[in-house]
PDB file of N, CA and C in Angstrom:
ATOM      1  N   MET A   1     -21.434  12.333   1.981  1.00  0.00           N
ATOM      2  CA  MET A   1     -21.370  10.889   2.115  1.00  0.00           C
ATOM      3  C   MET A   1     -19.911  10.423   1.962  1.00  0.00           C
ATOM      4  N   LEU A   2     -19.497   9.541   2.832  1.00  0.00           N
ATOM      5  CA  LEU A   2     -18.129   9.019   2.833  1.00  0.00           C
ATOM      6  C   LEU A   2     -18.036   7.784   1.937  1.00  0.00           C
ATOM      7  N   THR A   3     -17.073   7.795   1.032  1.00  0.00           N
ATOM      8  CA  THR A   3     -16.791   6.631   0.188  1.00  0.00           C
ATOM      9  C   THR A   3     -15.539   5.961   0.714  1.00  0.00           C
ATOM     10  N   LYS A   4     -15.644   4.641   0.962  1.00  0.00           N
ATOM     11  CA  LYS A   4     -14.535   3.868   1.531  1.00  0.00           C
ATOM     12  C   LYS A   4     -13.961   2.957   0.445  1.00  0.00           C
ATOM     13  N   THR A   5     -12.662   3.152   0.139  1.00  0.00           N
ATOM     14  CA  THR A   5     -12.021   2.398  -0.932  1.00  0.00           C
ATOM     15  C   THR A   5     -10.819   1.636  -0.402  1.00  0.00           C
ATOM     16  N   LEU A   6     -10.775   0.355  -0.741  1.00  0.00           N
ATOM     17  CA  LEU A   6      -9.651  -0.507  -0.404  1.00  0.00           C
ATOM     18  C   LEU A   6      -8.858  -0.778  -1.672  1.00  0.00           C
ATOM     19  N   PHE A   7      -7.564  -0.530  -1.610  1.00  0.00           N
ATOM     20  CA  PHE A   7      -6.650  -0.857  -2.700  1.00  0.00           C
ATOM     21  C   PHE A   7      -5.856  -2.082  -2.286  1.00  0.00           C
ATOM     22  N   ILE A   8      -5.830  -3.089  -3.137  1.00  0.00           N
ATOM     23  CA  ILE A   8      -5.014  -4.279  -2.907  1.00  0.00           C
ATOM     24  C   ILE A   8      -3.946  -4.298  -3.993  1.00  0.00           C
ATOM     25  N   LEU A   9      -2.687  -4.200  -3.562  1.00  0.00           N
ATOM     26  CA  LEU A   9      -1.567  -4.217  -4.505  1.00  0.00           C
ATOM     27  C   LEU A   9      -0.877  -5.572  -4.427  1.00  0.00           C
ATOM     28  N   ASN A  10      -0.553  -6.137  -5.595  1.00  0.00           N
ATOM     29  CA  ASN A  10       0.070  -7.458  -5.678  1.00  0.00           C
ATOM     30  C   ASN A  10       1.445  -7.451  -6.325  1.00  0.00           C
ATOM     31  N   ASP A  11       1.729  -6.465  -7.175  1.00  0.00           N
ATOM     32  CA  ASP A  11       2.949  -6.490  -7.978  1.00  0.00           C
ATOM     33  C   ASP A  11       4.131  -5.844  -7.260  1.00  0.00           C
ATOM     34  N   PRO A  12       5.354  -6.184  -7.695  1.00  0.00           N
ATOM     35  CA  PRO A  12       6.547  -5.616  -7.065  1.00  0.00           C
ATOM     36  C   PRO A  12       6.625  -4.108  -7.286  1.00  0.00           C
ATOM     37  N   PRO A  13       7.447  -3.427  -6.502  1.00  0.00           N
ATOM     38  CA  PRO A  13       7.539  -1.974  -6.629  1.00  0.00           C
ATOM     39  C   PRO A  13       8.142  -1.510  -7.952  1.00  0.00           C
ATOM     40  N   TYR A  14       8.993  -2.325  -8.536  1.00  0.00           N
ATOM     41  CA  TYR A  14       9.680  -1.927  -9.772  1.00  0.00           C
ATOM     42  C   TYR A  14       9.643  -3.095 -10.759  1.00  0.00           C
ATOM     43  N   GLY A  15       9.760  -2.790 -12.044  1.00  0.00           N
ATOM     44  CA  GLY A  15       9.739  -3.821 -13.073  1.00  0.00           C
ATOM     45  C   GLY A  15       8.386  -3.937 -13.759  1.00  0.00           C
ATOM     46  N   THR A  16       7.378  -3.417 -13.126  1.00  0.00           N
ATOM     47  CA  THR A  16       6.024  -3.312 -13.668  1.00  0.00           C
ATOM     48  C   THR A  16       5.457  -2.029 -13.071  1.00  0.00           C
ATOM     49  N   GLU A  17       4.463  -1.460 -13.674  1.00  0.00           N
ATOM     50  CA  GLU A  17       3.936  -0.187 -13.160  1.00  0.00           C
ATOM     51  C   GLU A  17       2.584  -0.329 -12.473  1.00  0.00           C
ATOM     52  N   ARG A  18       2.163  -1.551 -12.193  1.00  0.00           N
ATOM     53  CA  ARG A  18       0.849  -1.739 -11.560  1.00  0.00           C
ATOM     54  C   ARG A  18       0.797  -1.142 -10.154  1.00  0.00           C
ATOM     55  N   SER A  19       1.793  -1.420  -9.323  1.00  0.00           N
ATOM     56  CA  SER A  19       1.793  -0.842  -7.971  1.00  0.00           C
ATOM     57  C   SER A  19       1.952   0.672  -8.044  1.00  0.00           C
ATOM     58  N   TYR A  20       2.790   1.134  -8.935  1.00  0.00           N
ATOM     59  CA  TYR A  20       2.977   2.576  -9.164  1.00  0.00           C
ATOM     60  C   TYR A  20       1.641   3.236  -9.494  1.00  0.00           C
ATOM     61  N   ASN A  21       0.899   2.671 -10.432  1.00  0.00           N
ATOM     62  CA  ASN A  21      -0.381   3.253 -10.829  1.00  0.00           C
ATOM     63  C   ASN A  21      -1.429   3.136  -9.730  1.00  0.00           C
ATOM     64  N   GLY A  22      -1.422   2.035  -9.003  1.00  0.00           N
ATOM     65  CA  GLY A  22      -2.337   1.902  -7.869  1.00  0.00           C
ATOM     66  C   GLY A  22      -2.068   2.954  -6.812  1.00  0.00           C
ATOM     67  N   LEU A  23      -0.799   3.208  -6.533  1.00  0.00           N
ATOM     68  CA  LEU A  23      -0.444   4.225  -5.541  1.00  0.00           C
ATOM     69  C   LEU A  23      -0.748   5.632  -6.037  1.00  0.00           C
ATOM     70  N   ARG A  24      -0.592   5.862  -7.327  1.00  0.00           N
ATOM     71  CA  ARG A  24      -0.950   7.175  -7.878  1.00  0.00           C
ATOM     72  C   ARG A  24      -2.441   7.451  -7.639  1.00  0.00           C
ATOM     73  N   LEU A  25      -3.272   6.457  -7.935  1.00  0.00           N
ATOM     74  CA  LEU A  25      -4.710   6.633  -7.750  1.00  0.00           C
ATOM     75  C   LEU A  25      -5.071   6.744  -6.270  1.00  0.00           C
ATOM     76  N   ALA A  26      -4.493   5.893  -5.441  1.00  0.00           N
ATOM     77  CA  ALA A  26      -4.765   5.954  -3.994  1.00  0.00           C
ATOM     78  C   ALA A  26      -4.359   7.309  -3.422  1.00  0.00           C
ATOM     79  N   GLY A  27      -3.203   7.806  -3.840  1.00  0.00           N
ATOM     80  CA  GLY A  27      -2.729   9.105  -3.366  1.00  0.00           C
ATOM     81  C   GLY A  27      -3.647  10.239  -3.764  1.00  0.00           C
ATOM     82  N   ALA A  28      -4.136  10.198  -4.991  1.00  0.00           N
ATOM     83  CA  ALA A  28      -5.045  11.251  -5.467  1.00  0.00           C
ATOM     84  C   ALA A  28      -6.400  11.161  -4.762  1.00  0.00           C
ATOM     85  N   LEU A  29      -6.891   9.950  -4.577  1.00  0.00           N
ATOM     86  CA  LEU A  29      -8.215   9.765  -3.977  1.00  0.00           C
ATOM     87  C   LEU A  29      -8.240  10.171  -2.506  1.00  0.00           C
ATOM     88  N   CYS A  30      -7.189   9.835  -1.764  1.00  0.00           N
ATOM     89  CA  CYS A  30      -7.212  10.137  -0.332  1.00  0.00           C
ATOM     90  C   CYS A  30      -7.091  11.628  -0.038  1.00  0.00           C
ATOM     91  N   LYS A  31      -6.726  12.423  -1.036  1.00  0.00           N
ATOM     92  CA  LYS A  31      -6.663  13.876  -0.860  1.00  0.00           C
ATOM     93  C   LYS A  31      -8.038  14.527  -1.025  1.00  0.00           C
ATOM     94  N   ARG A  32      -8.980  13.787  -1.578  1.00  0.00           N
ATOM     95  CA  ARG A  32     -10.309  14.349  -1.826  1.00  0.00           C
ATOM     96  C   ARG A  32     -11.205  14.208  -0.603  1.00  0.00           C
ATOM     97  N   GLU A  33     -11.974  15.232  -0.379  1.00  0.00           N
ATOM     98  CA  GLU A  33     -12.908  15.216   0.728  1.00  0.00           C
ATOM     99  C   GLU A  33     -13.971  14.147   0.491  1.00  0.00           C
ATOM    100  N   GLY A  34     -14.357  13.462   1.560  1.00  0.00           N
ATOM    101  CA  GLY A  34     -15.404  12.451   1.456  1.00  0.00           C
ATOM    102  C   GLY A  34     -14.897  11.071   1.063  1.00  0.00           C
ATOM    103  N   HIS A  35     -13.570  10.886   1.087  1.00  0.00           N
ATOM    104  CA  HIS A  35     -12.999   9.583   0.731  1.00  0.00           C
ATOM    105  C   HIS A  35     -12.092   9.083   1.842  1.00  0.00           C
ATOM    106  N   GLU A  36     -12.265   7.824   2.180  1.00  0.00           N
ATOM    107  CA  GLU A  36     -11.375   7.153   3.122  1.00  0.00           C
ATOM    108  C   GLU A  36     -10.730   5.997   2.372  1.00  0.00           C
ATOM    109  N   VAL A  37      -9.409   5.853   2.533  1.00  0.00           N
ATOM    110  CA  VAL A  37      -8.639   4.875   1.767  1.00  0.00           C
ATOM    111  C   VAL A  37      -7.863   3.957   2.708  1.00  0.00           C
ATOM    112  N   LYS A  38      -7.826   2.681   2.345  1.00  0.00           N
ATOM    113  CA  LYS A  38      -6.952   1.707   2.995  1.00  0.00           C
ATOM    114  C   LYS A  38      -6.190   0.994   1.886  1.00  0.00           C
ATOM    115  N   LEU A  39      -4.931   0.632   2.168  1.00  0.00           N
ATOM    116  CA  LEU A  39      -4.114  -0.114   1.210  1.00  0.00           C
ATOM    117  C   LEU A  39      -3.630  -1.400   1.860  1.00  0.00           C
ATOM    118  N   PHE A  40      -3.693  -2.486   1.099  1.00  0.00           N
ATOM    119  CA  PHE A  40      -3.167  -3.759   1.570  1.00  0.00           C
ATOM    120  C   PHE A  40      -2.178  -4.260   0.532  1.00  0.00           C
ATOM    121  N   LEU A  41      -0.946  -4.512   0.978  1.00  0.00           N
ATOM    122  CA  LEU A  41       0.126  -4.955   0.093  1.00  0.00           C
ATOM    123  C   LEU A  41       0.363  -6.436   0.328  1.00  0.00           C
ATOM    124  N   MET A  42       0.257  -7.216  -0.749  1.00  0.00           N
ATOM    125  CA  MET A  42       0.489  -8.654  -0.610  1.00  0.00           C
ATOM    126  C   MET A  42       1.315  -9.170  -1.780  1.00  0.00           C
ATOM    127  N   GLY A  43       1.791 -10.397  -1.658  1.00  0.00           N
ATOM    128  CA  GLY A  43       2.657 -10.944  -2.695  1.00  0.00           C
ATOM    129  C   GLY A  43       3.901 -10.077  -2.820  1.00  0.00           C
ATOM    130  N   ASP A  44       4.327  -9.876  -4.064  1.00  0.00           N
ATOM    131  CA  ASP A  44       5.531  -9.073  -4.299  1.00  0.00           C
ATOM    132  C   ASP A  44       5.356  -7.601  -3.903  1.00  0.00           C
ATOM    133  N   ALA A  45       4.119  -7.148  -3.746  1.00  0.00           N
ATOM    134  CA  ALA A  45       3.889  -5.757  -3.338  1.00  0.00           C
ATOM    135  C   ALA A  45       4.335  -5.499  -1.903  1.00  0.00           C
ATOM    136  N   ALA A  46       4.560  -6.554  -1.119  1.00  0.00           N
ATOM    137  CA  ALA A  46       5.073  -6.354   0.244  1.00  0.00           C
ATOM    138  C   ALA A  46       6.377  -5.570   0.198  1.00  0.00           C
ATOM    139  N   SER A  47       7.145  -5.740  -0.853  1.00  0.00           N
ATOM    140  CA  SER A  47       8.418  -5.020  -1.001  1.00  0.00           C
ATOM    141  C   SER A  47       8.227  -3.523  -1.226  1.00  0.00           C
ATOM    142  N   CYS A  48       7.037  -3.111  -1.600  1.00  0.00           N
ATOM    143  CA  CYS A  48       6.760  -1.680  -1.784  1.00  0.00           C
ATOM    144  C   CYS A  48       6.941  -0.922  -0.471  1.00  0.00           C
ATOM    145  N   ALA A  49       6.711  -1.592   0.643  1.00  0.00           N
ATOM    146  CA  ALA A  49       6.751  -0.929   1.948  1.00  0.00           C
ATOM    147  C   ALA A  49       8.122  -0.978   2.605  1.00  0.00           C
ATOM    148  N   LYS A  50       9.108  -1.510   1.921  1.00  0.00           N
ATOM    149  CA  LYS A  50      10.456  -1.586   2.506  1.00  0.00           C
ATOM    150  C   LYS A  50      11.063  -0.186   2.585  1.00  0.00           C
ATOM    151  N   ALA A  51      11.580   0.147   3.737  1.00  0.00           N
ATOM    152  CA  ALA A  51      12.165   1.469   3.969  1.00  0.00           C
ATOM    153  C   ALA A  51      13.527   1.605   3.291  1.00  0.00           C
ATOM    154  N   ASN A  52      13.923   2.850   3.087  1.00  0.00           N
ATOM    155  CA  ASN A  52      15.254   3.213   2.573  1.00  0.00           C
ATOM    156  C   ASN A  52      15.526   2.751   1.141  1.00  0.00           C
ATOM    157  N   GLN A  53      14.512   2.831   0.297  1.00  0.00           N
ATOM    158  CA  GLN A  53      14.697   2.466  -1.106  1.00  0.00           C
ATOM    159  C   GLN A  53      15.577   3.512  -1.786  1.00  0.00           C
ATOM    160  N   LYS A  54      16.498   3.031  -2.590  1.00  0.00           N
ATOM    161  CA  LYS A  54      17.386   3.909  -3.361  1.00  0.00           C
ATOM    162  C   LYS A  54      17.125   3.646  -4.838  1.00  0.00           C
ATOM    163  N   VAL A  55      16.750   4.676  -5.559  1.00  0.00           N
ATOM    164  CA  VAL A  55      16.456   4.539  -6.989  1.00  0.00           C
ATOM    165  C   VAL A  55      17.316   5.535  -7.770  1.00  0.00           C
ATOM    166  N   PRO A  56      17.526   5.277  -9.057  1.00  0.00           N
ATOM    167  CA  PRO A  56      18.310   6.208  -9.868  1.00  0.00           C
ATOM    168  C   PRO A  56      17.649   7.590  -9.922  1.00  0.00           C
ATOM    169  N   PRO A  57      18.448   8.642 -10.081  1.00  0.00           N
ATOM    170  CA  PRO A  57      17.883   9.993 -10.203  1.00  0.00           C
ATOM    171  C   PRO A  57      16.856  10.061 -11.335  1.00  0.00           C
ATOM    172  N   GLY A  58      15.740  10.714 -11.053  1.00  0.00           N
ATOM    173  CA  GLY A  58      14.692  10.876 -12.051  1.00  0.00           C
ATOM    174  C   GLY A  58      13.703   9.732 -12.102  1.00  0.00           C
ATOM    175  N   TYR A  59      13.899   8.676 -11.303  1.00  0.00           N
ATOM    176  CA  TYR A  59      13.031   7.513 -11.286  1.00  0.00           C
ATOM    177  C   TYR A  59      12.091   7.623 -10.096  1.00  0.00           C
ATOM    178  N   TYR A  60      10.857   7.169 -10.244  1.00  0.00           N
ATOM    179  CA  TYR A  60       9.916   7.249  -9.125  1.00  0.00           C
ATOM    180  C   TYR A  60      10.371   6.352  -7.974  1.00  0.00           C
ATOM    181  N   ASN A  61       9.992   6.747  -6.759  1.00  0.00           N
ATOM    182  CA  ASN A  61      10.328   6.002  -5.556  1.00  0.00           C
ATOM    183  C   ASN A  61       9.030   5.559  -4.897  1.00  0.00           C
ATOM    184  N   ILE A  62       8.771   4.257  -4.931  1.00  0.00           N
ATOM    185  CA  ILE A  62       7.522   3.715  -4.393  1.00  0.00           C
ATOM    186  C   ILE A  62       7.380   3.983  -2.898  1.00  0.00           C
ATOM    187  N   GLU A  63       8.471   3.921  -2.162  1.00  0.00           N
ATOM    188  CA  GLU A  63       8.410   4.189  -0.723  1.00  0.00           C
ATOM    189  C   GLU A  63       7.887   5.602  -0.466  1.00  0.00           C
ATOM    190  N   VAL A  64       8.399   6.573  -1.185  1.00  0.00           N
ATOM    191  CA  VAL A  64       7.951   7.960  -1.042  1.00  0.00           C
ATOM    192  C   VAL A  64       6.478   8.078  -1.429  1.00  0.00           C
ATOM    193  N   MET A  65       6.096   7.399  -2.499  1.00  0.00           N
ATOM    194  CA  MET A  65       4.699   7.434  -2.944  1.00  0.00           C
ATOM    195  C   MET A  65       3.763   6.825  -1.895  1.00  0.00           C
ATOM    196  N   LEU A  66       4.224   5.812  -1.186  1.00  0.00           N
ATOM    197  CA  LEU A  66       3.412   5.142  -0.175  1.00  0.00           C
ATOM    198  C   LEU A  66       3.191   6.033   1.043  1.00  0.00           C
ATOM    199  N   ARG A  67       4.148   6.876   1.328  1.00  0.00           N
ATOM    200  CA  ARG A  67       4.014   7.777   2.477  1.00  0.00           C
ATOM    201  C   ARG A  67       2.928   8.830   2.265  1.00  0.00           C
ATOM    202  N   GLY A  68       2.652   9.194   1.022  1.00  0.00           N
ATOM    203  CA  GLY A  68       1.618  10.199   0.737  1.00  0.00           C
ATOM    204  C   GLY A  68       0.253   9.812   1.277  1.00  0.00           C
ATOM    205  N   PRO A  69      -0.288   8.653   0.883  1.00  0.00           N
ATOM    206  CA  PRO A  69      -1.584   8.242   1.437  1.00  0.00           C
ATOM    207  C   PRO A  69      -1.559   8.119   2.959  1.00  0.00           C
ATOM    208  N   SER A  70      -0.437   7.650   3.497  1.00  0.00           N
ATOM    209  CA  SER A  70      -0.325   7.519   4.951  1.00  0.00           C
ATOM    210  C   SER A  70      -0.473   8.874   5.629  1.00  0.00           C
ATOM    211  N   ARG A  71       0.160   9.902   5.072  1.00  0.00           N
ATOM    212  CA  ARG A  71       0.056  11.259   5.647  1.00  0.00           C
ATOM    213  C   ARG A  71      -1.370  11.808   5.562  1.00  0.00           C
ATOM    214  N   HIS A  72      -2.154  11.284   4.638  1.00  0.00           N
ATOM    215  CA  HIS A  72      -3.540  11.735   4.494  1.00  0.00           C
ATOM    216  C   HIS A  72      -4.516  10.802   5.203  1.00  0.00           C
ATOM    217  N   GLY A  73      -4.010   9.978   6.118  1.00  0.00           N
ATOM    218  CA  GLY A  73      -4.875   9.163   6.961  1.00  0.00           C
ATOM    219  C   GLY A  73      -5.146   7.754   6.479  1.00  0.00           C
ATOM    220  N   ALA A  74      -4.587   7.343   5.359  1.00  0.00           N
ATOM    221  CA  ALA A  74      -4.808   5.984   4.872  1.00  0.00           C
ATOM    222  C   ALA A  74      -4.069   4.976   5.749  1.00  0.00           C
ATOM    223  N   GLU A  75      -4.724   3.885   6.051  1.00  0.00           N
ATOM    224  CA  GLU A  75      -4.062   2.775   6.741  1.00  0.00           C
ATOM    225  C   GLU A  75      -3.388   1.908   5.692  1.00  0.00           C
ATOM    226  N   ILE A  76      -2.211   1.403   6.026  1.00  0.00           N
ATOM    227  CA  ILE A  76      -1.451   0.556   5.106  1.00  0.00           C
ATOM    228  C   ILE A  76      -1.068  -0.727   5.821  1.00  0.00           C
ATOM    229  N   GLY A  77      -1.617  -1.828   5.332  1.00  0.00           N
ATOM    230  CA  GLY A  77      -1.293  -3.140   5.875  1.00  0.00           C
ATOM    231  C   GLY A  77      -0.423  -3.911   4.905  1.00  0.00           C
ATOM    232  N   VAL A  78       0.531  -4.654   5.445  1.00  0.00           N
ATOM    233  CA  VAL A  78       1.430  -5.474   4.631  1.00  0.00           C
ATOM    234  C   VAL A  78       1.268  -6.920   5.100  1.00  0.00           C
ATOM    235  N   CYS A  79       0.956  -7.806   4.185  1.00  0.00           N
ATOM    236  CA  CYS A  79       0.746  -9.216   4.504  1.00  0.00           C
ATOM    237  C   CYS A  79       1.966  -9.792   5.223  1.00  0.00           C
ATOM    238  N   GLY A  80       1.764 -10.259   6.440  1.00  0.00           N
ATOM    239  CA  GLY A  80       2.857 -10.806   7.232  1.00  0.00           C
ATOM    240  C   GLY A  80       3.458 -12.062   6.622  1.00  0.00           C
ATOM    241  N   THR A  81       2.632 -12.936   6.080  1.00  0.00           N
ATOM    242  CA  THR A  81       3.130 -14.152   5.435  1.00  0.00           C
ATOM    243  C   THR A  81       3.994 -13.797   4.234  1.00  0.00           C
ATOM    244  N   CYS A  82       3.567 -12.800   3.466  1.00  0.00           N
ATOM    245  CA  CYS A  82       4.323 -12.347   2.290  1.00  0.00           C
ATOM    246  C   CYS A  82       5.631 -11.690   2.705  1.00  0.00           C
ATOM    247  N   MET A  83       5.601 -10.950   3.819  1.00  0.00           N
ATOM    248  CA  MET A  83       6.831 -10.359   4.349  1.00  0.00           C
ATOM    249  C   MET A  83       7.823 -11.454   4.724  1.00  0.00           C
ATOM    250  N   ASP A  84       7.354 -12.460   5.444  1.00  0.00           N
ATOM    251  CA  ASP A  84       8.219 -13.551   5.881  1.00  0.00           C
ATOM    252  C   ASP A  84       8.841 -14.273   4.684  1.00  0.00           C
ATOM    253  N   ALA A  85       8.035 -14.517   3.653  1.00  0.00           N
ATOM    254  CA  ALA A  85       8.521 -15.225   2.465  1.00  0.00           C
ATOM    255  C   ALA A  85       9.619 -14.440   1.754  1.00  0.00           C
ATOM    256  N   ARG A  86       9.620 -13.122   1.930  1.00  0.00           N
ATOM    257  CA  ARG A  86      10.596 -12.260   1.250  1.00  0.00           C
ATOM    258  C   ARG A  86      11.680 -11.747   2.192  1.00  0.00           C
ATOM    259  N   GLY A  87      11.672 -12.227   3.430  1.00  0.00           N
ATOM    260  CA  GLY A  87      12.708 -11.849   4.386  1.00  0.00           C
ATOM    261  C   GLY A  87      12.625 -10.404   4.831  1.00  0.00           C
ATOM    262  N   ILE A  88      11.416  -9.850   4.888  1.00  0.00           N
ATOM    263  CA  ILE A  88      11.231  -8.454   5.306  1.00  0.00           C
ATOM    264  C   ILE A  88      10.760  -8.443   6.765  1.00  0.00           C
ATOM    265  N   ALA A  89      11.543  -7.843   7.621  1.00  0.00           N
ATOM    266  CA  ALA A  89      11.179  -7.730   9.036  1.00  0.00           C
ATOM    267  C   ALA A  89      10.289  -6.506   9.247  1.00  0.00           C
ATOM    268  N   GLU A  90       9.485  -6.545  10.284  1.00  0.00           N
ATOM    269  CA  GLU A  90       8.592  -5.425  10.573  1.00  0.00           C
ATOM    270  C   GLU A  90       9.371  -4.126  10.776  1.00  0.00           C
ATOM    271  N   ALA A  91      10.561  -4.210  11.361  1.00  0.00           N
ATOM    272  CA  ALA A  91      11.393  -3.026  11.587  1.00  0.00           C
ATOM    273  C   ALA A  91      11.877  -2.397  10.284  1.00  0.00           C
ATOM    274  N   GLU A  92      11.797  -3.127   9.175  1.00  0.00           N
ATOM    275  CA  GLU A  92      12.244  -2.622   7.873  1.00  0.00           C
ATOM    276  C   GLU A  92      11.140  -1.897   7.104  1.00  0.00           C
ATOM    277  N   LEU A  93       9.930  -1.861   7.647  1.00  0.00           N
ATOM    278  CA  LEU A  93       8.824  -1.214   6.941  1.00  0.00           C
ATOM    279  C   LEU A  93       8.922   0.301   7.031  1.00  0.00           C
ATOM    280  N   THR A  94       8.496   0.953   5.974  1.00  0.00           N
ATOM    281  CA  THR A  94       8.491   2.409   5.942  1.00  0.00           C
ATOM    282  C   THR A  94       7.447   2.965   6.904  1.00  0.00           C
ATOM    283  N   GLU A  95       7.606   4.205   7.232  1.00  0.00           N
ATOM    284  CA  GLU A  95       6.690   4.894   8.132  1.00  0.00           C
ATOM    285  C   GLU A  95       5.252   4.784   7.628  1.00  0.00           C
ATOM    286  N   GLY A  96       4.346   4.406   8.517  1.00  0.00           N
ATOM    287  CA  GLY A  96       2.929   4.319   8.176  1.00  0.00           C
ATOM    288  C   GLY A  96       2.469   2.932   7.760  1.00  0.00           C
ATOM    289  N   ALA A  97       3.398   2.049   7.392  1.00  0.00           N
ATOM    290  CA  ALA A  97       3.034   0.684   7.002  1.00  0.00           C
ATOM    291  C   ALA A  97       3.172  -0.239   8.208  1.00  0.00           C
ATOM    292  N   LYS A  98       2.232  -1.181   8.315  1.00  0.00           N
ATOM    293  CA  LYS A  98       2.243  -2.098   9.454  1.00  0.00           C
ATOM    294  C   LYS A  98       2.053  -3.531   8.978  1.00  0.00           C
ATOM    295  N   ARG A  99       2.719  -4.447   9.660  1.00  0.00           N
ATOM    296  CA  ARG A  99       2.523  -5.869   9.397  1.00  0.00           C
ATOM    297  C   ARG A  99       1.048  -6.196   9.613  1.00  0.00           C
ATOM    298  N   SER A 100       0.482  -6.990   8.736  1.00  0.00           N
ATOM    299  CA  SER A 100      -0.941  -7.266   8.800  1.00  0.00           C
ATOM    300  C   SER A 100      -1.213  -8.746   8.534  1.00  0.00           C
ATOM    301  N   THR A 101      -2.501  -9.064   8.423  1.00  0.00           N
ATOM    302  CA  THR A 101      -2.922 -10.455   8.274  1.00  0.00           C
ATOM    303  C   THR A 101      -4.040 -10.564   7.239  1.00  0.00           C
ATOM    304  N   LEU A 102      -4.285 -11.787   6.815  1.00  0.00           N
ATOM    305  CA  LEU A 102      -5.412 -12.043   5.921  1.00  0.00           C
ATOM    306  C   LEU A 102      -6.735 -11.725   6.625  1.00  0.00           C
ATOM    307  N   GLU A 103      -6.763 -11.915   7.924  1.00  0.00           N
ATOM    308  CA  GLU A 103      -7.970 -11.590   8.699  1.00  0.00           C
ATOM    309  C   GLU A 103      -8.277 -10.086   8.610  1.00  0.00           C
ATOM    310  N   GLN A 104      -7.242  -9.253   8.693  1.00  0.00           N
ATOM    311  CA  GLN A 104      -7.464  -7.821   8.560  1.00  0.00           C
ATOM    312  C   GLN A 104      -7.912  -7.469   7.144  1.00  0.00           C
ATOM    313  N   LEU A 105      -7.316  -8.106   6.139  1.00  0.00           N
ATOM    314  CA  LEU A 105      -7.757  -7.878   4.760  1.00  0.00           C
ATOM    315  C   LEU A 105      -9.230  -8.252   4.608  1.00  0.00           C
ATOM    316  N   THR A 106      -9.649  -9.322   5.243  1.00  0.00           N
ATOM    317  CA  THR A 106     -11.055  -9.731   5.214  1.00  0.00           C
ATOM    318  C   THR A 106     -11.942  -8.656   5.839  1.00  0.00           C
ATOM    319  N   ASP A 107     -11.525  -8.133   6.984  1.00  0.00           N
ATOM    320  CA  ASP A 107     -12.287  -7.062   7.648  1.00  0.00           C
ATOM    321  C   ASP A 107     -12.349  -5.819   6.761  1.00  0.00           C
ATOM    322  N   TRP A 108     -11.226  -5.440   6.171  1.00  0.00           N
ATOM    323  CA  TRP A 108     -11.184  -4.247   5.322  1.00  0.00           C
ATOM    324  C   TRP A 108     -12.040  -4.431   4.078  1.00  0.00           C
ATOM    325  N   THR A 109     -12.082  -5.646   3.535  1.00  0.00           N
ATOM    326  CA  THR A 109     -12.917  -5.909   2.356  1.00  0.00           C
ATOM    327  C   THR A 109     -14.392  -5.736   2.711  1.00  0.00           C
ATOM    328  N   SER A 110     -14.792  -6.196   3.893  1.00  0.00           N
ATOM    329  CA  SER A 110     -16.175  -6.004   4.351  1.00  0.00           C
ATOM    330  C   SER A 110     -16.487  -4.535   4.600  1.00  0.00           C
ATOM    331  N   TRP A 111     -15.496  -3.781   5.060  1.00  0.00           N
ATOM    332  CA  TRP A 111     -15.648  -2.351   5.357  1.00  0.00           C
ATOM    333  C   TRP A 111     -15.835  -1.531   4.083  1.00  0.00           C
ATOM    334  N   ALA A 112     -15.165  -1.914   3.006  1.00  0.00           N
ATOM    335  CA  ALA A 112     -15.053  -1.070   1.799  1.00  0.00           C
ATOM    336  C   ALA A 112     -16.331  -1.046   0.972  1.00  0.00           C
ATOM    337  N   ASP A 113     -16.574   0.142   0.377  1.00  0.00           N
ATOM    338  CA  ASP A 113     -17.608   0.283  -0.648  1.00  0.00           C
ATOM    339  C   ASP A 113     -17.067  -0.185  -2.007  1.00  0.00           C
ATOM    340  N   LYS A 114     -15.763   0.040  -2.206  1.00  0.00           N
ATOM    341  CA  LYS A 114     -15.090  -0.326  -3.448  1.00  0.00           C
ATOM    342  C   LYS A 114     -13.777  -1.011  -3.116  1.00  0.00           C
ATOM    343  N   VAL A 115     -13.462  -2.064  -3.883  1.00  0.00           N
ATOM    344  CA  VAL A 115     -12.168  -2.738  -3.761  1.00  0.00           C
ATOM    345  C   VAL A 115     -11.506  -2.695  -5.132  1.00  0.00           C
ATOM    346  N   LEU A 116     -10.330  -2.079  -5.186  1.00  0.00           N
ATOM    347  CA  LEU A 116      -9.578  -1.970  -6.429  1.00  0.00           C
ATOM    348  C   LEU A 116      -8.313  -2.806  -6.294  1.00  0.00           C
ATOM    349  N   VAL A 117      -8.078  -3.674  -7.268  1.00  0.00           N
ATOM    350  CA  VAL A 117      -6.941  -4.588  -7.212  1.00  0.00           C
ATOM    351  C   VAL A 117      -5.958  -4.255  -8.322  1.00  0.00           C
ATOM    352  N   PHE A 118      -4.705  -4.054  -7.936  1.00  0.00           N
ATOM    353  CA  PHE A 118      -3.630  -3.754  -8.883  1.00  0.00           C
ATOM    354  C   PHE A 118      -2.570  -4.836  -8.737  1.00  0.00           C
TER     355      PHE A 118
END
């Protein structure tokens, strides 16, 4: 049986660990057989999908963490309104992340068996 899980991330990539922990769980879950994962980044979490993040040595990199679920088939949507508010262009998104809409989030919420919000 396939379990469908939607992760909604709201917090910025750094300064709090909510998005970090959400991505850790999403990454682990999408590697398991019988699980399908989608991620939707909104609010300050839109910055999680910005490409070319540079972090100090030894510090986690949210962009790299986001690519893991993408490589395992997870779809990643980034709220377009939130991107615009933060000056993030679609060309600046990391590989696997796509500009999205509230309408798509609505569809994904209907699709999911579980919705986890971080």
